[in-house]
Amino acid sequence: MPIFREAREKNVRNKNYQVWQQHNHAEEVFSPGFTFTKINYIYQNLVEEGFVDRPEDYYYSSARDYSGRKGPILVSVIELHRLV
């Protein structure tokens, strides 16, 4: 947990820990295609960082549910192909 304590020290509003990066760039989800792009980006980060070979291989990813496998959390699967 030391890394989360160090991140906390950079932001006076944090009391204990900071898990997420400080300067995220929030964007409005304005279209189905944009939503698909962002979902795909999140899934591919796991692969690009070398955590897994495929997004659905990450146990806590909802990509598991979209591939027909069950994850540890109940996920409502939507038809992603309709977003494009």
PDB file of N, CA and C in Angstrom:
ATOM      1  N   MET A   1       0.796  -1.203   0.000  1.00  0.00           N
ATOM      2  CA  MET A   1       0.000   0.000   0.000  1.00  0.00           C
ATOM      3  C   MET A   1       0.847   1.279   0.000  1.00  0.00           C
ATOM      4  N   PRO A   2       2.153   1.209   0.129  1.00  0.00           N
ATOM      5  CA  PRO A   2       2.943   2.443   0.153  1.00  0.00           C
ATOM      6  C   PRO A   2       2.747   3.305  -1.094  1.00  0.00           C
ATOM      7  N   ILE A   3       2.597   2.671  -2.253  1.00  0.00           N
ATOM      8  CA  ILE A   3       2.434   3.455  -3.478  1.00  0.00           C
ATOM      9  C   ILE A   3       1.141   4.272  -3.455  1.00  0.00           C
ATOM     10  N   PHE A   4       0.081   3.733  -2.834  1.00  0.00           N
ATOM     11  CA  PHE A   4      -1.184   4.455  -2.740  1.00  0.00           C
ATOM     12  C   PHE A   4      -1.088   5.587  -1.719  1.00  0.00           C
ATOM     13  N   ARG A   5      -0.279   5.379  -0.661  1.00  0.00           N
ATOM     14  CA  ARG A   5      -0.055   6.454   0.313  1.00  0.00           C
ATOM     15  C   ARG A   5       0.725   7.596  -0.325  1.00  0.00           C
ATOM     16  N   GLU A   6       1.728   7.250  -1.124  1.00  0.00           N
ATOM     17  CA  GLU A   6       2.526   8.274  -1.804  1.00  0.00           C
ATOM     18  C   GLU A   6       1.660   9.079  -2.762  1.00  0.00           C
ATOM     19  N   ALA A   7       0.781   8.416  -3.479  1.00  0.00           N
ATOM     20  CA  ALA A   7      -0.124   9.116  -4.397  1.00  0.00           C
ATOM     21  C   ALA A   7      -1.054  10.037  -3.623  1.00  0.00           C
ATOM     22  N   ARG A   8      -1.491   9.601  -2.451  1.00  0.00           N
ATOM     23  CA  ARG A   8      -2.374  10.412  -1.613  1.00  0.00           C
ATOM     24  C   ARG A   8      -1.693  11.718  -1.227  1.00  0.00           C
ATOM     25  N   GLU A   9      -0.414  11.679  -0.926  1.00  0.00           N
ATOM     26  CA  GLU A   9       0.316  12.855  -0.470  1.00  0.00           C
ATOM     27  C   GLU A   9       0.376  13.954  -1.522  1.00  0.00           C
ATOM     28  N   LYS A  10       0.141  13.628  -2.769  1.00  0.00           N
ATOM     29  CA  LYS A  10       0.168  14.618  -3.845  1.00  0.00           C
ATOM     30  C   LYS A  10      -1.143  15.373  -3.974  1.00  0.00           C
ATOM     31  N   ASN A  11      -2.166  14.955  -3.245  1.00  0.00           N
ATOM     32  CA  ASN A  11      -3.478  15.599  -3.329  1.00  0.00           C
ATOM     33  C   ASN A  11      -4.007  15.803  -1.915  1.00  0.00           C
ATOM     34  N   VAL A  12      -4.139  17.048  -1.502  1.00  0.00           N
ATOM     35  CA  VAL A  12      -4.550  17.359  -0.127  1.00  0.00           C
ATOM     36  C   VAL A  12      -5.979  16.919   0.176  1.00  0.00           C
ATOM     37  N   ARG A  13      -6.792  16.672  -0.838  1.00  0.00           N
ATOM     38  CA  ARG A  13      -8.179  16.247  -0.607  1.00  0.00           C
ATOM     39  C   ARG A  13      -8.284  14.776  -0.211  1.00  0.00           C
ATOM     40  N   ASN A  14      -7.242  14.005  -0.413  1.00  0.00           N
ATOM     41  CA  ASN A  14      -7.262  12.580  -0.066  1.00  0.00           C
ATOM     42  C   ASN A  14      -6.953  12.394   1.409  1.00  0.00           C
ATOM     43  N   LYS A  15      -7.700  11.500   2.059  1.00  0.00           N
ATOM     44  CA  LYS A  15      -7.485  11.248   3.485  1.00  0.00           C
ATOM     45  C   LYS A  15      -6.537  10.078   3.728  1.00  0.00           C
ATOM     46  N   ASN A  16      -6.707   8.987   2.992  1.00  0.00           N
ATOM     47  CA  ASN A  16      -5.910   7.787   3.254  1.00  0.00           C
ATOM     48  C   ASN A  16      -5.078   7.339   2.061  1.00  0.00           C
ATOM     49  N   TYR A  17      -5.757   7.041   0.950  1.00  0.00           N
ATOM     50  CA  TYR A  17      -5.071   6.503  -0.218  1.00  0.00           C
ATOM     51  C   TYR A  17      -5.648   7.118  -1.486  1.00  0.00           C
ATOM     52  N   GLN A  18      -4.881   7.001  -2.571  1.00  0.00           N
ATOM     53  CA  GLN A  18      -5.390   7.375  -3.888  1.00  0.00           C
ATOM     54  C   GLN A  18      -5.057   6.239  -4.835  1.00  0.00           C
ATOM     55  N   VAL A  19      -6.098   5.659  -5.442  1.00  0.00           N
ATOM     56  CA  VAL A  19      -5.914   4.527  -6.342  1.00  0.00           C
ATOM     57  C   VAL A  19      -5.823   4.990  -7.790  1.00  0.00           C
ATOM     58  N   TRP A  20      -6.695   5.927  -8.185  1.00  0.00           N
ATOM     59  CA  TRP A  20      -6.737   6.388  -9.573  1.00  0.00           C
ATOM     60  C   TRP A  20      -5.749   7.518  -9.786  1.00  0.00           C
ATOM     61  N   GLN A  21      -5.337   7.708 -11.031  1.00  0.00           N
ATOM     62  CA  GLN A  21      -4.457   8.825 -11.361  1.00  0.00           C
ATOM     63  C   GLN A  21      -5.177  10.135 -11.101  1.00  0.00           C
ATOM     64  N   GLN A  22      -4.411  11.146 -10.752  1.00  0.00           N
ATOM     65  CA  GLN A  22      -4.980  12.430 -10.377  1.00  0.00           C
ATOM     66  C   GLN A  22      -5.644  13.152 -11.549  1.00  0.00           C
ATOM     67  N   HIS A  23      -4.963  13.234 -12.651  1.00  0.00           N
ATOM     68  CA  HIS A  23      -5.447  14.090 -13.738  1.00  0.00           C
ATOM     69  C   HIS A  23      -6.064  13.269 -14.866  1.00  0.00           C
ATOM     70  N   ASN A  24      -7.240  12.730 -14.606  1.00  0.00           N
ATOM     71  CA  ASN A  24      -7.928  12.017 -15.673  1.00  0.00           C
ATOM     72  C   ASN A  24      -8.623  13.036 -16.576  1.00  0.00           C
ATOM     73  N   HIS A  25      -9.044  12.596 -17.707  1.00  0.00           N
ATOM     74  CA  HIS A  25      -9.685  13.486 -18.673  1.00  0.00           C
ATOM     75  C   HIS A  25     -11.092  12.950 -18.935  1.00  0.00           C
ATOM     76  N   ALA A  26     -12.045  13.456 -18.183  1.00  0.00           N
ATOM     77  CA  ALA A  26     -13.430  12.994 -18.329  1.00  0.00           C
ATOM     78  C   ALA A  26     -13.988  13.415 -19.685  1.00  0.00           C
ATOM     79  N   GLU A  27     -14.707  12.504 -20.320  1.00  0.00           N
ATOM     80  CA  GLU A  27     -15.336  12.798 -21.601  1.00  0.00           C
ATOM     81  C   GLU A  27     -16.787  12.348 -21.561  1.00  0.00           C
ATOM     82  N   GLU A  28     -17.649  13.144 -22.161  1.00  0.00           N
ATOM     83  CA  GLU A  28     -19.064  12.796 -22.239  1.00  0.00           C
ATOM     84  C   GLU A  28     -19.260  11.676 -23.256  1.00  0.00           C
ATOM     85  N   VAL A  29     -20.017  10.677 -22.881  1.00  0.00           N
ATOM     86  CA  VAL A  29     -20.347   9.585 -23.797  1.00  0.00           C
ATOM     87  C   VAL A  29     -21.540  10.053 -24.618  1.00  0.00           C
ATOM     88  N   PHE A  30     -21.284  10.386 -25.870  1.00  0.00           N
ATOM     89  CA  PHE A  30     -22.309  11.053 -26.674  1.00  0.00           C
ATOM     90  C   PHE A  30     -22.882  10.220 -27.807  1.00  0.00           C
ATOM     91  N   SER A  31     -22.318   9.051 -28.056  1.00  0.00           N
ATOM     92  CA  SER A  31     -22.863   8.219 -29.131  1.00  0.00           C
ATOM     93  C   SER A  31     -22.531   6.751 -28.862  1.00  0.00           C
ATOM     94  N   PRO A  32     -23.290   5.844 -29.457  1.00  0.00           N
ATOM     95  CA  PRO A  32     -22.994   4.416 -29.287  1.00  0.00           C
ATOM     96  C   PRO A  32     -21.591   4.047 -29.774  1.00  0.00           C
ATOM     97  N   GLY A  33     -21.163   4.604 -30.891  1.00  0.00           N
ATOM     98  CA  GLY A  33     -19.830   4.308 -31.415  1.00  0.00           C
ATOM     99  C   GLY A  33     -18.732   4.764 -30.473  1.00  0.00           C
ATOM    100  N   PHE A  34     -18.924   5.932 -29.866  1.00  0.00           N
ATOM    101  CA  PHE A  34     -17.967   6.461 -28.901  1.00  0.00           C
ATOM    102  C   PHE A  34     -17.903   5.543 -27.684  1.00  0.00           C
ATOM    103  N   THR A  35     -19.060   5.056 -27.239  1.00  0.00           N
ATOM    104  CA  THR A  35     -19.120   4.127 -26.110  1.00  0.00           C
ATOM    105  C   THR A  35     -18.327   2.864 -26.423  1.00  0.00           C
ATOM    106  N   PHE A  36     -18.536   2.300 -27.604  1.00  0.00           N
ATOM    107  CA  PHE A  36     -17.813   1.098 -28.010  1.00  0.00           C
ATOM    108  C   PHE A  36     -16.308   1.352 -28.024  1.00  0.00           C
ATOM    109  N   THR A  37     -15.896   2.493 -28.557  1.00  0.00           N
ATOM    110  CA  THR A  37     -14.478   2.843 -28.616  1.00  0.00           C
ATOM    111  C   THR A  37     -13.863   2.871 -27.227  1.00  0.00           C
ATOM    112  N   LYS A  38     -14.554   3.462 -26.275  1.00  0.00           N
ATOM    113  CA  LYS A  38     -14.033   3.572 -24.908  1.00  0.00           C
ATOM    114  C   LYS A  38     -14.001   2.215 -24.214  1.00  0.00           C
ATOM    115  N   ILE A  39     -15.029   1.399 -24.410  1.00  0.00           N
ATOM    116  CA  ILE A  39     -15.037   0.056 -23.817  1.00  0.00           C
ATOM    117  C   ILE A  39     -13.872  -0.756 -24.374  1.00  0.00           C
ATOM    118  N   ASN A  40     -13.682  -0.705 -25.671  1.00  0.00           N
ATOM    119  CA  ASN A  40     -12.592  -1.431 -26.305  1.00  0.00           C
ATOM    120  C   ASN A  40     -11.236  -0.943 -25.792  1.00  0.00           C
ATOM    121  N   TYR A  41     -11.091   0.359 -25.622  1.00  0.00           N
ATOM    122  CA  TYR A  41      -9.851   0.944 -25.102  1.00  0.00           C
ATOM    123  C   TYR A  41      -9.539   0.390 -23.711  1.00  0.00           C
ATOM    124  N   ILE A  42     -10.535   0.349 -22.849  1.00  0.00           N
ATOM    125  CA  ILE A  42     -10.346  -0.163 -21.486  1.00  0.00           C
ATOM    126  C   ILE A  42      -9.935  -1.636 -21.522  1.00  0.00           C
ATOM    127  N   TYR A  43     -10.613  -2.428 -22.335  1.00  0.00           N
ATOM    128  CA  TYR A  43     -10.284  -3.852 -22.427  1.00  0.00           C
ATOM    129  C   TYR A  43      -8.872  -4.064 -22.981  1.00  0.00           C
ATOM    130  N   GLN A  44      -8.507  -3.311 -23.991  1.00  0.00           N
ATOM    131  CA  GLN A  44      -7.208  -3.504 -24.632  1.00  0.00           C
ATOM    132  C   GLN A  44      -6.044  -3.047 -23.761  1.00  0.00           C
ATOM    133  N   ASN A  45      -6.285  -2.152 -22.804  1.00  0.00           N
ATOM    134  CA  ASN A  45      -5.216  -1.729 -21.899  1.00  0.00           C
ATOM    135  C   ASN A  45      -4.621  -2.918 -21.159  1.00  0.00           C
ATOM    136  N   LEU A  46      -5.465  -3.848 -20.752  1.00  0.00           N
ATOM    137  CA  LEU A  46      -4.990  -5.035 -20.037  1.00  0.00           C
ATOM    138  C   LEU A  46      -4.038  -5.858 -20.898  1.00  0.00           C
ATOM    139  N   VAL A  47      -4.340  -5.936 -22.178  1.00  0.00           N
ATOM    140  CA  VAL A  47      -3.516  -6.694 -23.111  1.00  0.00           C
ATOM    141  C   VAL A  47      -2.221  -5.936 -23.391  1.00  0.00           C
ATOM    142  N   GLU A  48      -2.328  -4.654 -23.688  1.00  0.00           N
ATOM    143  CA  GLU A  48      -1.157  -3.852 -24.033  1.00  0.00           C
ATOM    144  C   GLU A  48      -0.157  -3.748 -22.886  1.00  0.00           C
ATOM    145  N   GLU A  49      -0.645  -3.769 -21.656  1.00  0.00           N
ATOM    146  CA  GLU A  49       0.250  -3.710 -20.495  1.00  0.00           C
ATOM    147  C   GLU A  49       0.820  -5.077 -20.131  1.00  0.00           C
ATOM    148  N   GLY A  50       0.392  -6.114 -20.851  1.00  0.00           N
ATOM    149  CA  GLY A  50       0.946  -7.443 -20.647  1.00  0.00           C
ATOM    150  C   GLY A  50       0.356  -8.225 -19.482  1.00  0.00           C
ATOM    151  N   PHE A  51      -0.775  -7.757 -18.947  1.00  0.00           N
ATOM    152  CA  PHE A  51      -1.413  -8.486 -17.849  1.00  0.00           C
ATOM    153  C   PHE A  51      -2.037  -9.794 -18.331  1.00  0.00           C
ATOM    154  N   VAL A  52      -2.585  -9.761 -19.538  1.00  0.00           N
ATOM    155  CA  VAL A  52      -3.266 -10.929 -20.103  1.00  0.00           C
ATOM    156  C   VAL A  52      -3.024 -10.977 -21.606  1.00  0.00           C
ATOM    157  N   ASP A  53      -3.300 -12.127 -22.204  1.00  0.00           N
ATOM    158  CA  ASP A  53      -3.194 -12.255 -23.661  1.00  0.00           C
ATOM    159  C   ASP A  53      -4.445 -11.737 -24.359  1.00  0.00           C
ATOM    160  N   ARG A  54      -5.595 -11.930 -23.705  1.00  0.00           N
ATOM    161  CA  ARG A  54      -6.878 -11.473 -24.250  1.00  0.00           C
ATOM    162  C   ARG A  54      -7.646 -10.790 -23.125  1.00  0.00           C
ATOM    163  N   PRO A  55      -8.450  -9.770 -23.420  1.00  0.00           N
ATOM    164  CA  PRO A  55      -9.185  -9.063 -22.359  1.00  0.00           C
ATOM    165  C   PRO A  55     -10.015  -9.988 -21.479  1.00  0.00           C
ATOM    166  N   GLU A  56     -10.616 -11.005 -22.067  1.00  0.00           N
ATOM    167  CA  GLU A  56     -11.481 -11.897 -21.287  1.00  0.00           C
ATOM    168  C   GLU A  56     -10.694 -12.815 -20.346  1.00  0.00           C
ATOM    169  N   ASP A  57      -9.389 -12.830 -20.453  1.00  0.00           N
ATOM    170  CA  ASP A  57      -8.571 -13.632 -19.544  1.00  0.00           C
ATOM    171  C   ASP A  57      -8.393 -12.963 -18.178  1.00  0.00           C
ATOM    172  N   TYR A  58      -8.663 -11.672 -18.084  1.00  0.00           N
ATOM    173  CA  TYR A  58      -8.541 -10.970 -16.804  1.00  0.00           C
ATOM    174  C   TYR A  58      -9.780 -11.272 -15.970  1.00  0.00           C
ATOM    175  N   TYR A  59      -9.576 -11.875 -14.809  1.00  0.00           N
ATOM    176  CA  TYR A  59     -10.676 -12.397 -13.997  1.00  0.00           C
ATOM    177  C   TYR A  59     -11.727 -11.346 -13.657  1.00  0.00           C
ATOM    178  N   TYR A  60     -11.322 -10.114 -13.393  1.00  0.00           N
ATOM    179  CA  TYR A  60     -12.261  -9.085 -12.956  1.00  0.00           C
ATOM    180  C   TYR A  60     -12.808  -8.231 -14.100  1.00  0.00           C
ATOM    181  N   SER A  61     -12.555  -8.608 -15.335  1.00  0.00           N
ATOM    182  CA  SER A  61     -13.028  -7.830 -16.477  1.00  0.00           C
ATOM    183  C   SER A  61     -14.391  -8.318 -16.961  1.00  0.00           C
ATOM    184  N   SER A  62     -15.254  -7.374 -17.287  1.00  0.00           N
ATOM    185  CA  SER A  62     -16.552  -7.751 -17.859  1.00  0.00           C
ATOM    186  C   SER A  62     -16.386  -8.330 -19.260  1.00  0.00           C
ATOM    187  N   ALA A  63     -15.197  -8.207 -19.831  1.00  0.00           N
ATOM    188  CA  ALA A  63     -14.933  -8.831 -21.134  1.00  0.00           C
ATOM    189  C   ALA A  63     -15.169 -10.336 -21.056  1.00  0.00           C
ATOM    190  N   ARG A  64     -14.986 -10.904 -19.879  1.00  0.00           N
ATOM    191  CA  ARG A  64     -15.266 -12.337 -19.693  1.00  0.00           C
ATOM    192  C   ARG A  64     -16.724 -12.634 -20.036  1.00  0.00           C
ATOM    193  N   ASP A  65     -17.618 -11.804 -19.534  1.00  0.00           N
ATOM    194  CA  ASP A  65     -19.049 -12.022 -19.764  1.00  0.00           C
ATOM    195  C   ASP A  65     -19.395 -11.888 -21.242  1.00  0.00           C
ATOM    196  N   TYR A  66     -18.734 -10.950 -21.925  1.00  0.00           N
ATOM    197  CA  TYR A  66     -19.000 -10.758 -23.349  1.00  0.00           C
ATOM    198  C   TYR A  66     -18.446 -11.903 -24.195  1.00  0.00           C
ATOM    199  N   SER A  67     -17.507 -12.656 -23.634  1.00  0.00           N
ATOM    200  CA  SER A  67     -16.955 -13.795 -24.374  1.00  0.00           C
ATOM    201  C   SER A  67     -17.661 -15.100 -24.023  1.00  0.00           C
ATOM    202  N   GLY A  68     -18.682 -15.012 -23.140  1.00  0.00           N
ATOM    203  CA  GLY A  68     -19.432 -16.200 -22.765  1.00  0.00           C
ATOM    204  C   GLY A  68     -18.952 -16.851 -21.482  1.00  0.00           C
ATOM    205  N   ARG A  69     -17.906 -16.302 -20.873  1.00  0.00           N
ATOM    206  CA  ARG A  69     -17.412 -16.813 -19.598  1.00  0.00           C
ATOM    207  C   ARG A  69     -17.997 -15.968 -18.475  1.00  0.00           C
ATOM    208  N   LYS A  70     -18.069 -16.516 -17.298  1.00  0.00           N
ATOM    209  CA  LYS A  70     -18.608 -15.776 -16.156  1.00  0.00           C
ATOM    210  C   LYS A  70     -17.481 -15.185 -15.327  1.00  0.00           C
ATOM    211  N   GLY A  71     -17.669 -13.931 -14.944  1.00  0.00           N
ATOM    212  CA  GLY A  71     -16.747 -13.282 -14.028  1.00  0.00           C
ATOM    213  C   GLY A  71     -17.314 -13.302 -12.625  1.00  0.00           C
ATOM    214  N   PRO A  72     -16.613 -12.698 -11.671  1.00  0.00           N
ATOM    215  CA  PRO A  72     -17.049 -12.738 -10.277  1.00  0.00           C
ATOM    216  C   PRO A  72     -18.182 -11.768  -9.948  1.00  0.00           C
ATOM    217  N   ILE A  73     -18.503 -10.877 -10.874  1.00  0.00           N
ATOM    218  CA  ILE A  73     -19.521  -9.851 -10.648  1.00  0.00           C
ATOM    219  C   ILE A  73     -20.636 -10.029 -11.670  1.00  0.00           C
ATOM    220  N   LEU A  74     -21.873  -9.844 -11.253  1.00  0.00           N
ATOM    221  CA  LEU A  74     -23.005  -9.936 -12.176  1.00  0.00           C
ATOM    222  C   LEU A  74     -22.947  -8.776 -13.168  1.00  0.00           C
ATOM    223  N   VAL A  75     -22.909  -9.091 -14.451  1.00  0.00           N
ATOM    224  CA  VAL A  75     -22.808  -8.088 -15.513  1.00  0.00           C
ATOM    225  C   VAL A  75     -24.010  -8.218 -16.434  1.00  0.00           C
ATOM    226  N   SER A  76     -24.648  -7.096 -16.731  1.00  0.00           N
ATOM    227  CA  SER A  76     -25.719  -7.070 -17.727  1.00  0.00           C
ATOM    228  C   SER A  76     -25.070  -6.859 -19.087  1.00  0.00           C
ATOM    229  N   VAL A  77     -25.073  -7.879 -19.894  1.00  0.00           N
ATOM    230  CA  VAL A  77     -24.421  -7.824 -21.199  1.00  0.00           C
ATOM    231  C   VAL A  77     -25.333  -7.113 -22.188  1.00  0.00           C
ATOM    232  N   ILE A  78     -24.782  -6.111 -22.872  1.00  0.00           N
ATOM    233  CA  ILE A  78     -25.515  -5.421 -23.936  1.00  0.00           C
ATOM    234  C   ILE A  78     -24.927  -5.855 -25.271  1.00  0.00           C
ATOM    235  N   GLU A  79     -25.646  -5.622 -26.322  1.00  0.00           N
ATOM    236  CA  GLU A  79     -25.167  -6.022 -27.640  1.00  0.00           C
ATOM    237  C   GLU A  79     -24.213  -4.956 -28.161  1.00  0.00           C
ATOM    238  N   LEU A  80     -22.912  -5.189 -27.964  1.00  0.00           N
ATOM    239  CA  LEU A  80     -21.906  -4.198 -28.334  1.00  0.00           C
ATOM    240  C   LEU A  80     -21.864  -3.928 -29.830  1.00  0.00           C
ATOM    241  N   HIS A  81     -22.169  -4.942 -30.639  1.00  0.00           N
ATOM    242  CA  HIS A  81     -22.118  -4.720 -32.084  1.00  0.00           C
ATOM    243  C   HIS A  81     -23.127  -3.655 -32.521  1.00  0.00           C
ATOM    244  N   ARG A  82     -24.144  -3.432 -31.726  1.00  0.00           N
ATOM    245  CA  ARG A  82     -25.125  -2.391 -32.059  1.00  0.00           C
ATOM    246  C   ARG A  82     -24.598  -0.993 -31.752  1.00  0.00           C
ATOM    247  N   LEU A  83     -23.489  -0.918 -31.035  1.00  0.00           N
ATOM    248  CA  LEU A  83     -22.919   0.380 -30.693  1.00  0.00           C
ATOM    249  C   LEU A  83     -22.091   0.960 -31.827  1.00  0.00           C
ATOM    250  N   VAL A  84     -21.689   0.127 -32.768  1.00  0.00           N
ATOM    251  CA  VAL A  84     -20.803   0.599 -33.823  1.00  0.00           C
ATOM    252  C   VAL A  84     -21.577   1.190 -34.971  1.00  0.00           C
TER     253      VAL A  84
END
